[in-house]
C-alpha atoms as a PDB file:
ATOM      1  CA  UNK A   1     125.342  61.739 103.678  1.00  0.00           C
ATOM      2  CA  UNK A   2     123.064  61.938 106.717  1.00  0.00           C
ATOM      3  CA  UNK A   3     119.382  62.863 106.505  1.00  0.00           C
ATOM      4  CA  UNK A   4     120.029  66.256 108.099  1.00  0.00           C
ATOM      5  CA  UNK A   5     122.850  66.935 105.621  1.00  0.00           C
ATOM      6  CA  UNK A   6     120.470  66.177 102.745  1.00  0.00           C
ATOM      7  CA  UNK A   7     117.846  68.530 104.169  1.00  0.00           C
ATOM      8  CA  UNK A   8     120.396  71.306 104.683  1.00  0.00           C
ATOM      9  CA  UNK A   9     121.734  70.869 101.162  1.00  0.00           C
ATOM     10  CA  UNK A  10     118.210  71.092  99.767  1.00  0.00           C
ATOM     11  CA  UNK A  11     117.426  74.192 101.862  1.00  0.00           C
ATOM     12  CA  UNK A  12     120.709  75.813 100.841  1.00  0.00           C
ATOM     13  CA  UNK A  13     119.889  75.387  97.173  1.00  0.00           C
ATOM     14  CA  UNK A  14     116.405  76.810  97.791  1.00  0.00           C
ATOM     15  CA  UNK A  15     117.191  79.682 100.192  1.00  0.00           C
ATOM     16  CA  UNK A  16     120.851  80.476  99.540  1.00  0.00           C
ATOM     17  CA  UNK A  17     123.778  80.552 101.935  1.00  0.00           C
ATOM     18  CA  UNK A  18     122.430  80.600 105.499  1.00  0.00           C
ATOM     19  CA  UNK A  19     124.952  83.176 106.720  1.00  0.00           C
ATOM     20  CA  UNK A  20     124.111  85.624 103.932  1.00  0.00           C
ATOM     21  CA  UNK A  21     120.382  84.992 104.290  1.00  0.00           C
ATOM     22  CA  UNK A  22     120.611  85.548 108.058  1.00  0.00           C
ATOM     23  CA  UNK A  23     122.445  88.856 107.578  1.00  0.00           C
ATOM     24  CA  UNK A  24     119.803  89.992 105.104  1.00  0.00           C
ATOM     25  CA  UNK A  25     116.937  88.995 107.412  1.00  0.00           C
ATOM     26  CA  UNK A  26     118.538  90.785 110.356  1.00  0.00           C
ATOM     27  CA  UNK A  27     119.045  93.937 108.267  1.00  0.00           C
ATOM     28  CA  UNK A  28     115.354  93.915 107.347  1.00  0.00           C
ATOM     29  CA  UNK A  29     114.394  93.421 110.998  1.00  0.00           C
ATOM     30  CA  UNK A  30     116.682  96.261 112.068  1.00  0.00           C
ATOM     31  CA  UNK A  31     114.954  98.542 109.550  1.00  0.00           C
ATOM     32  CA  UNK A  32     111.592  97.529 111.048  1.00  0.00           C
ATOM     33  CA  UNK A  33     112.859  98.214 114.563  1.00  0.00           C
ATOM     34  CA  UNK A  34     114.154 101.677 113.620  1.00  0.00           C
ATOM     35  CA  UNK A  35     110.728 102.755 112.377  1.00  0.00           C
ATOM     36  CA  UNK A  36     108.760 105.273 114.406  1.00  0.00           C
ATOM     37  CA  UNK A  37     105.924 102.877 115.249  1.00  0.00           C
ATOM     38  CA  UNK A  38     107.826  99.676 116.106  1.00  0.00           C
ATOM     39  CA  UNK A  39     107.699 100.142 119.872  1.00  0.00           C
ATOM     40  CA  UNK A  40     103.929 100.619 119.742  1.00  0.00           C
ATOM     41  CA  UNK A  41     103.192  97.456 117.742  1.00  0.00           C
ATOM     42  CA  UNK A  42     101.668  94.582 119.685  1.00  0.00           C
ATOM     43  CA  UNK A  43     103.619  91.313 119.785  1.00  0.00           C
ATOM     44  CA  UNK A  44     101.533  89.639 117.075  1.00  0.00           C
ATOM     45  CA  UNK A  45     102.393  92.410 114.589  1.00  0.00           C
ATOM     46  CA  UNK A  46     106.092  92.305 115.461  1.00  0.00           C
ATOM     47  CA  UNK A  47     106.182  88.528 115.133  1.00  0.00           C
ATOM     48  CA  UNK A  48     104.360  88.621 111.800  1.00  0.00           C
ATOM     49  CA  UNK A  49     106.816  91.172 110.446  1.00  0.00           C
ATOM     50  CA  UNK A  50     109.787  89.181 111.768  1.00  0.00           C
ATOM     51  CA  UNK A  51     108.572  86.063 109.992  1.00  0.00           C
ATOM     52  CA  UNK A  52     107.973  88.033 106.799  1.00  0.00           C
ATOM     53  CA  UNK A  53     111.541  89.390 107.046  1.00  0.00           C
ATOM     54  CA  UNK A  54     112.839  85.822 106.937  1.00  0.00           C
ATOM     55  CA  UNK A  55     110.731  84.992 103.890  1.00  0.00           C
ATOM     56  CA  UNK A  56     111.780  88.180 102.097  1.00  0.00           C
ATOM     57  CA  UNK A  57     115.439  87.473 102.799  1.00  0.00           C
ATOM     58  CA  UNK A  58     115.028  83.940 101.448  1.00  0.00           C
ATOM     59  CA  UNK A  59     113.578  85.382  98.239  1.00  0.00           C
ATOM     60  CA  UNK A  60     116.449  87.870  97.964  1.00  0.00           C
ATOM     61  CA  UNK A  61     119.203  85.343  98.706  1.00  0.00           C
ATOM     62  CA  UNK A  62     117.851  82.150  97.188  1.00  0.00           C
ATOM     63  CA  UNK A  63     115.270  81.178  94.619  1.00  0.00           C
ATOM     64  CA  UNK A  64     112.971  84.219  94.191  1.00  0.00           C
ATOM     65  CA  UNK A  65     110.462  82.116  92.236  1.00  0.00           C
ATOM     66  CA  UNK A  66     109.879  79.647  95.070  1.00  0.00           C
ATOM     67  CA  UNK A  67     106.139  80.147  95.570  1.00  0.00           C
ATOM     68  CA  UNK A  68     106.050  78.880  99.177  1.00  0.00           C
ATOM     69  CA  UNK A  69     107.808  82.051 100.344  1.00  0.00           C
ATOM     70  CA  UNK A  70     104.976  84.208  98.997  1.00  0.00           C
ATOM     71  CA  UNK A  71     102.335  81.821 100.308  1.00  0.00           C
ATOM     72  CA  UNK A  72     103.955  81.946 103.752  1.00  0.00           C
ATOM     73  CA  UNK A  73     104.093  85.772 103.690  1.00  0.00           C
ATOM     74  CA  UNK A  74     100.394  85.881 102.833  1.00  0.00           C
ATOM     75  CA  UNK A  75      99.699  83.385 105.611  1.00  0.00           C
ATOM     76  CA  UNK A  76     101.616  85.380 108.213  1.00  0.00           C
ATOM     77  CA  UNK A  77      99.861  88.593 107.220  1.00  0.00           C
ATOM     78  CA  UNK A  78      96.498  86.795 107.336  1.00  0.00           C
ATOM     79  CA  UNK A  79      97.301  85.783 110.911  1.00  0.00           C
ATOM     80  CA  UNK A  80      98.150  89.412 111.736  1.00  0.00           C
ATOM     81  CA  UNK A  81      94.902  90.562 110.102  1.00  0.00           C
ATOM     82  CA  UNK A  82      92.922  88.049 112.173  1.00  0.00           C
ATOM     83  CA  UNK A  83      94.499  89.342 115.384  1.00  0.00           C
ATOM     84  CA  UNK A  84      93.813  92.942 114.324  1.00  0.00           C
ATOM     85  CA  UNK A  85      90.169  92.069 113.733  1.00  0.00           C
ATOM     86  CA  UNK A  86      89.957  90.579 117.230  1.00  0.00           C
ATOM     87  CA  UNK A  87      91.575  93.694 118.671  1.00  0.00           C
ATOM     88  CA  UNK A  88      89.218  95.964 116.728  1.00  0.00           C
ATOM     89  CA  UNK A  89      86.239  94.015 118.066  1.00  0.00           C
ATOM     90  CA  UNK A  90      87.501  94.396 121.645  1.00  0.00           C
ATOM     91  CA  UNK A  91      88.053  98.141 121.168  1.00  0.00           C
ATOM     92  CA  UNK A  92      84.660  98.615 119.547  1.00  0.00           C
ATOM     93  CA  UNK A  93      82.957  96.769 122.389  1.00  0.00           C
ATOM     94  CA  UNK A  94      84.804  98.855 124.966  1.00  0.00           C
ATOM     95  CA  UNK A  95      84.076 102.125 123.124  1.00  0.00           C
ATOM     96  CA  UNK A  96      80.408 101.227 122.814  1.00  0.00           C
ATOM     97  CA  UNK A  97      80.164 100.454 126.538  1.00  0.00           C
ATOM     98  CA  UNK A  98      82.002 103.697 127.328  1.00  0.00           C
ATOM     99  CA  UNK A  99      79.846 105.674 124.888  1.00  0.00           C
ATOM    100  CA  UNK A 100      82.934 107.159 123.265  1.00  0.00           C
ATOM    101  CA  UNK A 101      81.907 107.242 119.597  1.00  0.00           C
ATOM    102  CA  UNK A 102      79.916 105.431 116.962  1.00  0.00           C
ATOM    103  CA  UNK A 103      82.604 105.081 114.299  1.00  0.00           C
ATOM    104  CA  UNK A 104      86.026 103.563 114.784  1.00  0.00           C
ATOM    105  CA  UNK A 105      88.968 104.969 112.766  1.00  0.00           C
ATOM    106  CA  UNK A 106      89.259 101.808 110.639  1.00  0.00           C
ATOM    107  CA  UNK A 107      85.623 101.866 109.497  1.00  0.00           C
ATOM    108  CA  UNK A 108      84.368 103.351 106.225  1.00  0.00           C
ATOM    109  CA  UNK A 109      83.994 106.107 105.171  1.00  0.00           C
ATOM    110  CA  UNK A 110      86.853 107.242 107.388  1.00  0.00           C
ATOM    111  CA  UNK A 111      90.285 106.765 105.832  1.00  0.00           C
ATOM    112  CA  UNK A 112      92.672 106.270 108.704  1.00  0.00           C
ATOM    113  CA  UNK A 113      96.121 107.808 108.627  1.00  0.00           C
ATOM    114  CA  UNK A 114      98.638 107.585 111.461  1.00  0.00           C
ATOM    115  CA  UNK A 115      98.707 111.366 111.916  1.00  0.00           C
ATOM    116  CA  UNK A 116      94.893 111.486 112.220  1.00  0.00           C
ATOM    117  CA  UNK A 117      94.925 110.159 115.780  1.00  0.00           C
ATOM    118  CA  UNK A 118      93.116 112.775 117.876  1.00  0.00           C
ATOM    119  CA  UNK A 119      95.051 114.554 120.583  1.00  0.00           C
ATOM    120  CA  UNK A 120      94.329 113.456 124.102  1.00  0.00           C
ATOM    121  CA  UNK A 121      93.418 109.826 123.322  1.00  0.00           C
ATOM    122  CA  UNK A 122      90.202 109.765 125.406  1.00  0.00           C
ATOM    123  CA  UNK A 123      90.511 106.068 126.197  1.00  0.00           C
ATOM    124  CA  UNK A 124      94.162 106.360 127.182  1.00  0.00           C
ATOM    125  CA  UNK A 125      94.839 103.416 124.900  1.00  0.00           C
ATOM    126  CA  UNK A 126      98.243 103.087 123.256  1.00  0.00           C
ATOM    127  CA  UNK A 127      97.736 100.283 120.781  1.00  0.00           C
ATOM    128  CA  UNK A 128      98.637  99.734 117.139  1.00  0.00           C
ATOM    129  CA  UNK A 129      97.071 103.018 116.002  1.00  0.00           C
ATOM    130  CA  UNK A 130      98.673 105.152 118.702  1.00  0.00           C
ATOM    131  CA  UNK A 131     100.796 107.972 117.345  1.00  0.00           C
ATOM    132  CA  UNK A 132     103.238 109.419 119.901  1.00  0.00           C
ATOM    133  CA  UNK A 133     103.471 112.619 117.815  1.00  0.00           C
ATOM    134  CA  UNK A 134      99.820 113.377 118.574  1.00  0.00           C
ATOM    135  CA  UNK A 135     100.390 113.709 122.340  1.00  0.00           C
END
């Protein structure tokens, strides 16, 4: 048995049949893509969710107790959180320079909800918190 065959056998026992796992992952991704906000998500959010879909499908099709799947999901979401924090900082800096407002929607005590986006979007920005229903 070749080295690659050994690796694939090990992965198959850990993650389940690749064809079934791939179908499951694609179904999860399709559900993400059908959501109302998918088209407004920045690439880093989409990529994070795509990677999480793979890990979820591996849990559903293979060994659900394999801890690395959960660790990887947490890692991917930490990367998304880091990018969101960078984006928030850029928006806050821009808003401060523009004199738009003192409090951003993600800051306390405000509790942000997607439908709370004010009509008119004074900055004209259509980022991760943009709600097309508010236009």
